[in-house]
Structures are given as structure tokens and as C-alpha cells.
């Protein structure tokens, strides 16, 4: 049998793997908490049939809005900007590590991996947007309309 089958299949999780697993679990729990918190403050429809939403703080770079569809659109745009800015920061950090490697192949390899991962993340985000746009341009133009449904009355015999 190959060496990697015998050694890795029976090996217990290392300390680093346990730490990564804990952080993934915490991130998942935080994400679920935030989704619940964003969905909870929605109020019932008013007389015109539209829903109002009043966030506590505006999304950075956007004005405070009480319209829930506009809030979701702004959140989507903020996410795209955050991916781009994060990629730029990671490429800059990787370039700094690469310049300061001074012949240390381990540090140069780490720097190359940082740059590659940042570019890969940016490409994945842009390709996912492009695929949605090619399938149907309306998929990337978020248009949420929430209207009040008329009441249904049931009559008996």
C-alpha cells in the first residue's frame, strides 16, 4: 500500500487541525447568528403592502436605508468590494514576504502561496459573478419586491 494511506488514515488530528476546525465551527456559528439577526428585525407590512426595515448601523460606504431590498443590495455590493480589498491586502502582504525572504526558500514559498491564494479567491469571486451574469443578467441585479398578499376568506356551507 502507498505510504500516505497507512500513515494519514490512522493519524489523529494534529493541534493545528483542531485549531482550524474550532475556528471553522466558530465562523459557522457566527454566520448563522448574523443571518438570524438580519432576518429578525423585519416588521410586518404596512397599509401600502411594503415592508420596512431599519438597521441599527448603515453598511460601510452606503447610506442608511429603511428599505429591506435596498439593504440586501447594498450588502451584496459591500461583499464584492470586501473580496477585492481583501485580495489586494493579501497580495501586498505576500509581496512584502517575498521581498523580505532574502533567499529563504520556505518564506518565499509561503509568500507565493499567499499571492496565489489571494488571486485564486479573487478569480473565484469574479468568475461566479460572470457565470451568473451569463446565465441571466437579472441574477446579479438584485431586485427584491415584497408585497402584501390579499387576505383569503373561507365561507362555509
Protein backbone atom coordinates (compact mmCIF):
# COMPACT_ATOMS: atom_id res chain seq x y z
CA UNK A 1 0.00 0.00 0.00
CA UNK A 2 1.13 3.58 -0.56
CA UNK A 3 2.72 5.32 2.38
CA UNK A 4 0.18 8.13 2.56
CA UNK A 5 -2.71 5.64 3.04
CA UNK A 6 -1.09 3.90 6.00
CA UNK A 7 0.19 7.00 7.79
CA UNK A 8 -2.56 9.54 7.29
CA UNK A 9 -5.67 7.42 7.59
CA UNK A 10 -4.84 6.26 11.13
CA UNK A 11 -3.29 9.51 12.35
CA UNK A 12 -5.18 11.57 14.90
CA UNK A 13 -5.87 15.24 14.31
CA UNK A 14 -2.89 17.47 14.95
CA UNK A 15 -3.11 20.50 17.18
CA UNK A 16 -3.20 22.80 14.14
CA UNK A 17 -6.05 20.82 12.56
CA UNK A 18 -8.02 21.02 15.81
CA UNK A 19 -7.50 24.78 15.92
CA UNK A 20 -8.66 25.18 12.31
CA UNK A 21 -11.71 23.00 13.00
CA UNK A 22 -12.59 25.10 16.05
CA UNK A 23 -12.32 28.35 14.07
CA UNK A 24 -14.44 26.93 11.24
CA UNK A 25 -17.09 25.92 13.75
CA UNK A 26 -16.99 29.37 15.37
CA UNK A 27 -17.24 31.07 11.98
CA UNK A 28 -20.21 28.92 11.02
CA UNK A 29 -21.97 29.67 14.30
CA UNK A 30 -21.28 33.41 13.91
CA UNK A 31 -22.61 33.32 10.35
CA UNK A 32 -25.81 31.60 11.44
CA UNK A 33 -26.21 34.10 14.27
CA UNK A 34 -25.80 37.04 11.88
CA UNK A 35 -28.29 35.58 9.41
CA UNK A 36 -30.84 35.18 12.18
CA UNK A 37 -30.19 38.72 13.41
CA UNK A 38 -30.58 40.19 9.93
CA UNK A 39 -33.84 38.35 9.35
CA UNK A 40 -35.42 39.12 12.73
CA UNK A 41 -35.87 42.92 12.61
CA UNK A 42 -38.25 42.80 9.62
CA UNK A 43 -41.57 44.34 10.51
CA UNK A 44 -44.98 43.44 9.23
CA UNK A 45 -46.28 45.04 6.06
CA UNK A 46 -47.85 48.44 6.43
CA UNK A 47 -51.09 49.59 4.79
CA UNK A 48 -49.41 50.02 1.40
CA UNK A 49 -48.20 46.42 1.44
CA UNK A 50 -44.47 47.18 1.69
CA UNK A 51 -42.13 46.00 4.41
CA UNK A 52 -39.93 48.44 6.28
CA UNK A 53 -36.55 47.64 7.77
CA UNK A 54 -34.46 49.92 9.96
CA UNK A 55 -30.89 48.67 10.55
CA UNK A 56 -29.00 49.98 13.56
CA UNK A 57 -25.92 50.96 11.54
CA UNK A 58 -25.50 51.57 7.82
CA UNK A 59 -23.35 49.28 5.72
CA UNK A 60 -19.93 50.96 5.29
CA UNK A 61 -19.89 53.05 2.12
CA UNK A 62 -23.67 53.18 1.79
CA UNK A 63 -26.32 55.46 3.26
CA UNK A 64 -28.74 54.32 5.96
CA UNK A 65 -31.87 52.91 4.34
CA UNK A 66 -35.18 51.69 5.69
CA UNK A 67 -35.94 49.64 2.58
CA UNK A 68 -35.06 45.95 3.01
CA UNK A 69 -34.42 45.20 -0.69
CA UNK A 70 -32.01 48.16 -0.87
CA UNK A 71 -30.31 46.90 2.29
CA UNK A 72 -29.75 43.44 0.73
CA UNK A 73 -28.44 45.02 -2.49
CA UNK A 74 -26.02 47.19 -0.52
CA UNK A 75 -24.90 44.15 1.48
CA UNK A 76 -24.19 42.25 -1.77
CA UNK A 77 -22.18 45.16 -3.21
CA UNK A 78 -20.26 45.50 0.05
CA UNK A 79 -19.38 41.80 -0.10
CA UNK A 80 -17.93 42.18 -3.60
CA UNK A 81 -15.89 45.19 -2.51
CA UNK A 82 -14.69 43.32 0.59
CA UNK A 83 -13.44 40.41 -1.55
CA UNK A 84 -11.50 42.80 -3.77
CA UNK A 85 -9.97 44.76 -0.92
CA UNK A 86 -9.06 41.57 0.99
CA UNK A 87 -7.35 40.18 -2.12
CA UNK A 88 -5.40 43.42 -2.55
CA UNK A 89 -4.24 43.36 1.08
CA UNK A 90 -3.20 39.69 0.91
CA UNK A 91 -1.30 40.25 -2.36
CA UNK A 92 0.50 43.18 -0.73
CA UNK A 93 1.40 41.09 2.34
CA UNK A 94 2.58 38.23 0.11
CA UNK A 95 4.72 40.63 -1.94
CA UNK A 96 6.27 42.02 1.25
CA UNK A 97 7.07 38.49 2.47
CA UNK A 98 8.56 37.65 -0.90
CA UNK A 99 10.76 40.77 -0.95
CA UNK A 100 11.99 40.13 2.58
CA UNK A 101 12.62 36.40 2.06
CA UNK A 102 16.32 37.10 1.35
CA UNK A 103 16.94 33.69 -0.15
CA UNK A 104 14.90 31.76 2.42
CA UNK A 105 13.02 29.34 0.18
CA UNK A 106 10.49 28.46 2.88
CA UNK A 107 9.44 32.09 3.37
CA UNK A 108 9.43 32.66 -0.41
CA UNK A 109 7.17 29.63 -0.81
CA UNK A 110 4.81 30.97 1.86
CA UNK A 111 4.73 34.33 0.08
CA UNK A 112 3.98 32.71 -3.28
CA UNK A 113 1.18 30.69 -1.68
CA UNK A 114 -0.33 33.85 -0.16
CA UNK A 115 -0.30 35.62 -3.52
CA UNK A 116 -1.66 32.57 -5.35
CA UNK A 117 -4.48 32.06 -2.83
CA UNK A 118 -5.46 35.75 -2.95
CA UNK A 119 -5.56 35.73 -6.74
CA UNK A 120 -7.49 32.45 -6.73
CA UNK A 121 -10.09 33.87 -4.32
CA UNK A 122 -10.48 36.99 -6.45
CA UNK A 123 -10.82 34.90 -9.62
CA UNK A 124 -13.44 32.65 -8.00
CA UNK A 125 -15.50 35.65 -6.89
CA UNK A 126 -15.33 37.31 -10.31
CA UNK A 127 -16.00 34.08 -12.24
CA UNK A 128 -19.02 33.32 -10.06
CA UNK A 129 -20.39 36.80 -10.82
CA UNK A 130 -19.63 36.29 -14.53
CA UNK A 131 -21.36 32.90 -14.63
CA UNK A 132 -24.47 34.36 -13.01
CA UNK A 133 -24.39 37.28 -15.45
CA UNK A 134 -24.03 34.99 -18.49
CA UNK A 135 -26.90 32.76 -17.34
CA UNK A 136 -29.20 35.70 -16.74
CA UNK A 137 -28.13 39.34 -16.16
CA UNK A 138 -31.03 39.77 -13.74
CA UNK A 139 -29.36 37.34 -11.33
CA UNK A 140 -26.66 39.88 -10.46
CA UNK A 141 -29.08 42.81 -10.40
CA UNK A 142 -30.81 42.16 -7.12
CA UNK A 143 -34.44 43.22 -7.36
CA UNK A 144 -36.48 42.19 -4.36
CA UNK A 145 -40.09 43.21 -4.19
CA UNK A 146 -42.15 42.21 -1.20
CA UNK A 147 -45.85 42.85 -1.47
CA UNK A 148 -48.69 42.13 0.85
CA UNK A 149 -50.93 39.28 -0.25
CA UNK A 150 -54.70 39.82 -0.07
CA UNK A 151 -56.47 38.03 2.73
CA UNK A 152 -58.25 34.81 1.84
CA UNK A 153 -61.72 34.37 3.24
CA UNK A 154 -63.27 30.95 3.56
CA UNK A 155 -67.00 30.64 3.52
CA UNK A 156 -68.75 27.63 4.92
CA UNK A 157 -72.00 25.92 3.95
